[in-house]
Amino acid sequence: MMMQTSGLISKEAFRGSGIGVIFMAFFGTLWAGIGVMGLQGWGSPYVELAAVITGIVMVIGGISLIHASQKMPDQVSEKGTRHLKRIGFWFNIVFIAEGVLIGAAIAICNAINQTDLIPGVIAIIVGIHFLPLASLFQIKLYYVTGSLLCLLALITLLVIPRTVMFGEQHIIAQLSLLGFGCALILWATGITLWLYVKNGRGLFVNQTHNEDHQG
């Protein structure tokens, strides 16, 4: 992943952004699948097709950034390499913690017979996990992403009725709103990363690049 500072877009920034875009595409499409489940067949197959196409386009965008990074010169010193390893270590810790919390949440919701809460609780955990990543990678956009995911989940759980009638179609409103809402937030995050790095605006630059120049 990349750091937010001023400067040139580095090879690591391109590669990290590409990986980030692919992650956002994959998990955004998974959340869209949850939204589709809530629609109970309404809009099929067009909604599913739109979600899959969006995910594919973003994956292609992510791959294009990774491919572009391979043509760029290495700019990371030994100090920068150690810094990248530290980032990788803490990223793994955050990722593992997220998985453990999601597993625990599912187990608890099942134990208390509140399975309807599972998607919302998972969305909150996913949102919270973006906050340490924002600090770790120095990408302020992740603060917005995490906050929006948590806010959407809370609104869905506390305000939105579980089911509604859309014409003659019975829809699980909470599931649809949460699924498509999370998908849009993740897709928007991925597309923003993609476009800023692709257009070379210098907003997402690996800090190791700056540390190399300072050292």
C-alpha atoms as a PDB file:
ATOM      1  CA  MET A   1       0.000   0.000   0.000  1.00  0.00           C
ATOM      2  CA  MET A   2       0.988   3.626  -0.264  1.00  0.00           C
ATOM      3  CA  MET A   3       1.556   6.625   1.895  1.00  0.00           C
ATOM      4  CA  GLN A   4      -0.105   9.967   1.429  1.00  0.00           C
ATOM      5  CA  THR A   5       2.471  12.691   0.995  1.00  0.00           C
ATOM      6  CA  SER A   6       3.613  14.965  -1.769  1.00  0.00           C
ATOM      7  CA  GLY A   7       6.074  13.801  -4.369  1.00  0.00           C
ATOM      8  CA  LEU A   8       6.394  11.469  -7.289  1.00  0.00           C
ATOM      9  CA  ILE A   9       4.464   8.261  -7.642  1.00  0.00           C
ATOM     10  CA  SER A  10       6.892   5.459  -6.840  1.00  0.00           C
ATOM     11  CA  LYS A  11       7.034   1.892  -8.095  1.00  0.00           C
ATOM     12  CA  GLU A  12       5.833   0.676  -4.701  1.00  0.00           C
ATOM     13  CA  ALA A  13       2.905   3.081  -4.847  1.00  0.00           C
ATOM     14  CA  PHE A  14       1.758   1.688  -8.194  1.00  0.00           C
ATOM     15  CA  ARG A  15       2.079  -1.917  -7.078  1.00  0.00           C
ATOM     16  CA  GLY A  16       0.472  -1.355  -3.694  1.00  0.00           C
ATOM     17  CA  SER A  17      -2.393   0.613  -5.176  1.00  0.00           C
ATOM     18  CA  GLY A  18      -2.978  -2.128  -7.725  1.00  0.00           C
ATOM     19  CA  ILE A  19      -3.244  -4.723  -4.974  1.00  0.00           C
ATOM     20  CA  GLY A  20      -5.545  -2.419  -3.013  1.00  0.00           C
ATOM     21  CA  VAL A  21      -7.832  -1.907  -5.995  1.00  0.00           C
ATOM     22  CA  ILE A  22      -8.094  -5.666  -6.525  1.00  0.00           C
ATOM     23  CA  PHE A  23      -8.961  -6.181  -2.857  1.00  0.00           C
ATOM     24  CA  MET A  24     -11.673  -3.502  -3.038  1.00  0.00           C
ATOM     25  CA  ALA A  25     -13.039  -5.035  -6.236  1.00  0.00           C
ATOM     26  CA  PHE A  26     -13.211  -8.538  -4.764  1.00  0.00           C
ATOM     27  CA  PHE A  27     -14.740  -7.685  -1.411  1.00  0.00           C
ATOM     28  CA  GLY A  28     -17.005  -5.049  -2.908  1.00  0.00           C
ATOM     29  CA  THR A  29     -18.421  -7.657  -5.263  1.00  0.00           C
ATOM     30  CA  LEU A  30     -18.910 -10.065  -2.351  1.00  0.00           C
ATOM     31  CA  TRP A  31     -20.928  -7.423  -0.505  1.00  0.00           C
ATOM     32  CA  ALA A  32     -22.935  -6.784  -3.668  1.00  0.00           C
ATOM     33  CA  GLY A  33     -23.736 -10.497  -3.652  1.00  0.00           C
ATOM     34  CA  ILE A  34     -25.183 -10.077  -0.154  1.00  0.00           C
ATOM     35  CA  GLY A  35     -27.275  -7.201  -1.467  1.00  0.00           C
ATOM     36  CA  VAL A  36     -28.537  -9.401  -4.282  1.00  0.00           C
ATOM     37  CA  MET A  37     -29.611 -12.012  -1.744  1.00  0.00           C
ATOM     38  CA  GLY A  38     -31.715  -9.369  -0.033  1.00  0.00           C
ATOM     39  CA  LEU A  39     -33.503  -8.489  -3.278  1.00  0.00           C
ATOM     40  CA  GLN A  40     -34.975 -12.002  -3.356  1.00  0.00           C
ATOM     41  CA  GLY A  41     -34.805 -12.209  -7.141  1.00  0.00           C
ATOM     42  CA  TRP A  42     -35.855  -8.635  -7.954  1.00  0.00           C
ATOM     43  CA  GLY A  43     -33.816  -7.153 -10.800  1.00  0.00           C
ATOM     44  CA  SER A  44     -32.222 -10.475 -11.700  1.00  0.00           C
ATOM     45  CA  PRO A  45     -30.022 -11.017 -13.677  1.00  0.00           C
ATOM     46  CA  TYR A  46     -29.227  -7.376 -14.431  1.00  0.00           C
ATOM     47  CA  VAL A  47     -28.187  -6.409 -10.910  1.00  0.00           C
ATOM     48  CA  GLU A  48     -25.852  -9.388 -10.630  1.00  0.00           C
ATOM     49  CA  LEU A  49     -24.394  -8.662 -14.062  1.00  0.00           C
ATOM     50  CA  ALA A  50     -23.735  -5.016 -13.181  1.00  0.00           C
ATOM     51  CA  ALA A  51     -21.958  -6.034  -9.967  1.00  0.00           C
ATOM     52  CA  VAL A  52     -19.773  -8.609 -11.724  1.00  0.00           C
ATOM     53  CA  ILE A  53     -18.859  -6.184 -14.520  1.00  0.00           C
ATOM     54  CA  THR A  54     -17.907  -3.519 -11.978  1.00  0.00           C
ATOM     55  CA  GLY A  55     -15.687  -5.977 -10.144  1.00  0.00           C
ATOM     56  CA  ILE A  56     -14.021  -7.169 -13.345  1.00  0.00           C
ATOM     57  CA  VAL A  57     -13.302  -3.623 -14.540  1.00  0.00           C
ATOM     58  CA  MET A  58     -11.708  -2.768 -11.211  1.00  0.00           C
ATOM     59  CA  VAL A  59      -9.601  -5.929 -11.209  1.00  0.00           C
ATOM     60  CA  ILE A  60      -8.352  -5.010 -14.677  1.00  0.00           C
ATOM     61  CA  GLY A  61      -7.516  -1.544 -13.363  1.00  0.00           C
ATOM     62  CA  GLY A  62      -5.612  -3.007 -10.430  1.00  0.00           C
ATOM     63  CA  ILE A  63      -3.688  -5.378 -12.677  1.00  0.00           C
ATOM     64  CA  SER A  64      -2.797  -2.471 -14.976  1.00  0.00           C
ATOM     65  CA  LEU A  65      -1.217  -0.607 -12.053  1.00  0.00           C
ATOM     66  CA  ILE A  66       0.776  -3.677 -11.013  1.00  0.00           C
ATOM     67  CA  HIS A  67       1.892  -4.169 -14.622  1.00  0.00           C
ATOM     68  CA  ALA A  68       2.938  -0.512 -14.857  1.00  0.00           C
ATOM     69  CA  SER A  69       4.974  -0.845 -11.654  1.00  0.00           C
ATOM     70  CA  GLN A  70       7.061  -3.611 -13.215  1.00  0.00           C
ATOM     71  CA  LYS A  71       8.365  -1.158 -15.796  1.00  0.00           C
ATOM     72  CA  MET A  72       9.490   1.368 -13.172  1.00  0.00           C
ATOM     73  CA  PRO A  73      12.955   1.467 -11.556  1.00  0.00           C
ATOM     74  CA  ASP A  74      13.473   0.312  -7.979  1.00  0.00           C
ATOM     75  CA  GLN A  75      13.667   3.267  -5.593  1.00  0.00           C
ATOM     76  CA  VAL A  76      13.762   1.546  -2.212  1.00  0.00           C
ATOM     77  CA  SER A  77      16.942   1.504  -0.128  1.00  0.00           C
ATOM     78  CA  GLU A  78      17.820  -1.053   2.537  1.00  0.00           C
ATOM     79  CA  LYS A  79      16.164   1.218   5.099  1.00  0.00           C
ATOM     80  CA  GLY A  80      13.080   1.435   2.917  1.00  0.00           C
ATOM     81  CA  THR A  81      12.956  -2.336   2.562  1.00  0.00           C
ATOM     82  CA  ARG A  82      12.955  -2.749   6.347  1.00  0.00           C
ATOM     83  CA  HIS A  83      10.148  -0.216   6.559  1.00  0.00           C
ATOM     84  CA  LEU A  84       8.093  -2.163   4.019  1.00  0.00           C
ATOM     85  CA  LYS A  85       8.609  -5.346   6.028  1.00  0.00           C
ATOM     86  CA  ARG A  86       7.316  -3.613   9.168  1.00  0.00           C
ATOM     87  CA  ILE A  87       4.252  -2.435   7.275  1.00  0.00           C
ATOM     88  CA  GLY A  88       3.674  -5.965   5.999  1.00  0.00           C
ATOM     89  CA  PHE A  89       3.962  -7.364   9.511  1.00  0.00           C
ATOM     90  CA  TRP A  90       1.391  -4.985  10.993  1.00  0.00           C
ATOM     91  CA  PHE A  91      -0.907  -5.410   8.006  1.00  0.00           C
ATOM     92  CA  ASN A  92      -0.940  -9.157   8.695  1.00  0.00           C
ATOM     93  CA  ILE A  93      -1.708  -8.511  12.367  1.00  0.00           C
ATOM     94  CA  VAL A  94      -4.668  -6.273  11.481  1.00  0.00           C
ATOM     95  CA  PHE A  95      -5.916  -8.782   8.905  1.00  0.00           C
ATOM     96  CA  ILE A  96      -5.697 -11.697  11.359  1.00  0.00           C
ATOM     97  CA  ALA A  97      -7.414  -9.677  14.091  1.00  0.00           C
ATOM     98  CA  GLU A  98     -10.223  -8.835  11.681  1.00  0.00           C
ATOM     99  CA  GLY A  99     -10.704 -12.514  10.837  1.00  0.00           C
ATOM    100  CA  VAL A 100     -10.714 -13.555  14.501  1.00  0.00           C
ATOM    101  CA  LEU A 101     -13.254 -10.857  15.416  1.00  0.00           C
ATOM    102  CA  ILE A 102     -15.531 -11.806  12.515  1.00  0.00           C
ATOM    103  CA  GLY A 103     -15.378 -15.469  13.511  1.00  0.00           C
ATOM    104  CA  ALA A 104     -16.144 -14.607  17.132  1.00  0.00           C
ATOM    105  CA  ALA A 105     -19.021 -12.336  16.115  1.00  0.00           C
ATOM    106  CA  ILE A 106     -20.597 -15.055  13.979  1.00  0.00           C
ATOM    107  CA  ALA A 107     -20.266 -17.579  16.800  1.00  0.00           C
ATOM    108  CA  ILE A 108     -21.798 -15.212  19.363  1.00  0.00           C
ATOM    109  CA  CYS A 109     -24.705 -14.212  17.095  1.00  0.00           C
ATOM    110  CA  ASN A 110     -25.439 -17.868  16.407  1.00  0.00           C
ATOM    111  CA  ALA A 111     -25.236 -18.704  20.123  1.00  0.00           C
ATOM    112  CA  ILE A 112     -27.773 -16.020  21.071  1.00  0.00           C
ATOM    113  CA  ASN A 113     -29.962 -16.817  18.066  1.00  0.00           C
ATOM    114  CA  GLN A 114     -29.478 -13.379  16.496  1.00  0.00           C
ATOM    115  CA  THR A 115     -28.182 -14.384  13.085  1.00  0.00           C
ATOM    116  CA  ASP A 116     -29.853 -11.357  11.459  1.00  0.00           C
ATOM    117  CA  LEU A 117     -27.207  -9.203  13.131  1.00  0.00           C
ATOM    118  CA  ILE A 118     -24.272 -10.997  11.515  1.00  0.00           C
ATOM    119  CA  PRO A 119     -23.955  -8.932   8.295  1.00  0.00           C
ATOM    120  CA  GLY A 120     -24.188  -5.640  10.176  1.00  0.00           C
ATOM    121  CA  VAL A 121     -21.679  -6.666  12.827  1.00  0.00           C
ATOM    122  CA  ILE A 122     -19.273  -7.880  10.143  1.00  0.00           C
ATOM    123  CA  ALA A 123     -19.606  -4.544   8.324  1.00  0.00           C
ATOM    124  CA  ILE A 124     -18.721  -2.703  11.545  1.00  0.00           C
ATOM    125  CA  ILE A 125     -15.643  -4.900  12.066  1.00  0.00           C
ATOM    126  CA  VAL A 126     -14.567  -4.369   8.455  1.00  0.00           C
ATOM    127  CA  GLY A 127     -15.062  -0.624   8.860  1.00  0.00           C
ATOM    128  CA  ILE A 128     -13.023  -0.514  12.067  1.00  0.00           C
ATOM    129  CA  HIS A 129     -10.183  -2.463  10.451  1.00  0.00           C
ATOM    130  CA  PHE A 130      -9.717   0.355   7.923  1.00  0.00           C
ATOM    131  CA  LEU A 131      -8.822   2.814  10.699  1.00  0.00           C
ATOM    132  CA  PRO A 132      -5.462   1.283  11.699  1.00  0.00           C
ATOM    133  CA  LEU A 133      -4.737   0.692   8.003  1.00  0.00           C
ATOM    134  CA  ALA A 134      -5.251   4.400   7.340  1.00  0.00           C
ATOM    135  CA  SER A 135      -2.602   5.187   9.930  1.00  0.00           C
ATOM    136  CA  LEU A 136      -0.309   2.355   8.842  1.00  0.00           C
ATOM    137  CA  PHE A 137      -0.339   3.283   5.152  1.00  0.00           C
ATOM    138  CA  GLN A 138      -0.952   7.012   5.689  1.00  0.00           C
ATOM    139  CA  ILE A 139      -3.971   6.942   3.373  1.00  0.00           C
ATOM    140  CA  LYS A 140      -6.533   9.348   4.815  1.00  0.00           C
ATOM    141  CA  LEU A 141      -9.151   8.015   2.418  1.00  0.00           C
ATOM    142  CA  TYR A 142      -9.317   4.864   4.556  1.00  0.00           C
ATOM    143  CA  TYR A 143     -10.578   6.890   7.524  1.00  0.00           C
ATOM    144  CA  VAL A 144     -13.528   7.928   5.375  1.00  0.00           C
ATOM    145  CA  THR A 145     -14.064   4.374   4.122  1.00  0.00           C
ATOM    146  CA  GLY A 146     -14.014   2.891   7.622  1.00  0.00           C
ATOM    147  CA  SER A 147     -16.284   5.564   9.064  1.00  0.00           C
ATOM    148  CA  LEU A 148     -18.834   5.199   6.265  1.00  0.00           C
ATOM    149  CA  LEU A 149     -18.959   1.421   6.632  1.00  0.00           C
ATOM    150  CA  CYS A 150     -19.556   1.674  10.382  1.00  0.00           C
ATOM    151  CA  LEU A 151     -22.172   4.406   9.951  1.00  0.00           C
ATOM    152  CA  LEU A 152     -24.011   2.453   7.261  1.00  0.00           C
ATOM    153  CA  ALA A 153     -24.061  -0.669   9.424  1.00  0.00           C
ATOM    154  CA  LEU A 154     -25.405   1.209  12.454  1.00  0.00           C
ATOM    155  CA  ILE A 155     -28.120   2.932  10.423  1.00  0.00           C
ATOM    156  CA  THR A 156     -29.113  -0.378   8.860  1.00  0.00           C
ATOM    157  CA  LEU A 157     -29.318  -2.168  12.206  1.00  0.00           C
ATOM    158  CA  LEU A 158     -31.049   0.620  14.143  1.00  0.00           C
ATOM    159  CA  VAL A 159     -33.255   2.416  11.627  1.00  0.00           C
ATOM    160  CA  ILE A 160     -34.040   0.314   8.555  1.00  0.00           C
ATOM    161  CA  PRO A 161     -36.888  -2.237   8.811  1.00  0.00           C
ATOM    162  CA  ARG A 162     -35.802  -5.793   8.193  1.00  0.00           C
ATOM    163  CA  THR A 163     -38.197  -6.374   5.288  1.00  0.00           C
ATOM    164  CA  VAL A 164     -40.251  -4.208   2.929  1.00  0.00           C
ATOM    165  CA  MET A 165     -42.596  -4.748   0.003  1.00  0.00           C
ATOM    166  CA  PHE A 166     -41.388  -3.300  -3.298  1.00  0.00           C
ATOM    167  CA  GLY A 167     -44.450  -3.539  -5.493  1.00  0.00           C
ATOM    168  CA  GLU A 168     -45.355  -7.181  -5.201  1.00  0.00           C
ATOM    169  CA  GLN A 169     -41.790  -8.213  -4.349  1.00  0.00           C
ATOM    170  CA  HIS A 170     -40.779  -9.067  -0.787  1.00  0.00           C
ATOM    171  CA  ILE A 171     -37.302  -7.605  -0.123  1.00  0.00           C
ATOM    172  CA  ILE A 172     -34.998  -8.032   2.859  1.00  0.00           C
ATOM    173  CA  ALA A 173     -34.280  -4.317   3.146  1.00  0.00           C
ATOM    174  CA  GLN A 174     -31.505  -4.508   5.722  1.00  0.00           C
ATOM    175  CA  LEU A 175     -29.554  -7.048   3.725  1.00  0.00           C
ATOM    176  CA  SER A 176     -29.943  -5.172   0.440  1.00  0.00           C
ATOM    177  CA  LEU A 177     -29.055  -1.758   1.832  1.00  0.00           C
ATOM    178  CA  LEU A 178     -26.068  -3.063   3.746  1.00  0.00           C
ATOM    179  CA  GLY A 179     -24.777  -5.241   0.920  1.00  0.00           C
ATOM    180  CA  PHE A 180     -25.045  -2.691  -1.861  1.00  0.00           C
ATOM    181  CA  GLY A 181     -24.003   0.159   0.426  1.00  0.00           C
ATOM    182  CA  CYS A 182     -20.805  -1.597   1.496  1.00  0.00           C
ATOM    183  CA  ALA A 183     -20.127  -2.567  -2.108  1.00  0.00           C
ATOM    184  CA  LEU A 184     -20.429   1.028  -3.301  1.00  0.00           C
ATOM    185  CA  ILE A 185     -18.174   2.312  -0.520  1.00  0.00           C
ATOM    186  CA  LEU A 186     -15.468  -0.261  -1.269  1.00  0.00           C
ATOM    187  CA  TRP A 187     -15.752   0.200  -5.021  1.00  0.00           C
ATOM    188  CA  ALA A 188     -15.537   3.980  -4.659  1.00  0.00           C
ATOM    189  CA  THR A 189     -12.444   3.608  -2.482  1.00  0.00           C
ATOM    190  CA  GLY A 190     -10.784   1.310  -5.011  1.00  0.00           C
ATOM    191  CA  ILE A 191     -11.631   3.523  -7.971  1.00  0.00           C
ATOM    192  CA  THR A 192     -10.301   6.592  -6.145  1.00  0.00           C
ATOM    193  CA  LEU A 193      -6.991   4.815  -5.449  1.00  0.00           C
ATOM    194  CA  TRP A 194      -6.809   3.658  -9.045  1.00  0.00           C
ATOM    195  CA  LEU A 195      -7.482   7.051 -10.634  1.00  0.00           C
ATOM    196  CA  TYR A 196      -5.240   9.097  -8.360  1.00  0.00           C
ATOM    197  CA  VAL A 197      -2.254   6.846  -8.925  1.00  0.00           C
ATOM    198  CA  LYS A 198      -2.977   6.323 -12.618  1.00  0.00           C
ATOM    199  CA  ASN A 199      -3.210  10.079 -13.198  1.00  0.00           C
ATOM    200  CA  GLY A 200       0.021  10.652 -11.297  1.00  0.00           C
ATOM    201  CA  ARG A 201      -1.376  13.229  -8.893  1.00  0.00           C
ATOM    202  CA  GLY A 202       1.115  12.312  -6.215  1.00  0.00           C
ATOM    203  CA  LEU A 203      -1.384  11.721  -3.408  1.00  0.00           C
ATOM    204  CA  PHE A 204      -0.410   8.125  -2.725  1.00  0.00           C
ATOM    205  CA  VAL A 205       3.336   7.729  -2.438  1.00  0.00           C
ATOM    206  CA  ASN A 206       5.205   5.114  -0.480  1.00  0.00           C
ATOM    207  CA  GLN A 207       6.871   6.712   2.490  1.00  0.00           C
ATOM    208  CA  THR A 208       9.982   4.682   1.851  1.00  0.00           C
ATOM    209  CA  HIS A 209      10.508   6.859  -1.231  1.00  0.00           C
ATOM    210  CA  ASN A 210      10.557   9.982   0.938  1.00  0.00           C
ATOM    211  CA  GLU A 211      12.668   8.351   3.644  1.00  0.00           C
ATOM    212  CA  ASP A 212      15.268   7.423   1.040  1.00  0.00           C
ATOM    213  CA  HIS A 213      15.542  11.085  -0.014  1.00  0.00           C
ATOM    214  CA  GLN A 214      15.699  12.285   3.593  1.00  0.00           C
ATOM    215  CA  GLY A 215      18.358   9.756   4.547  1.00  0.00           C
END
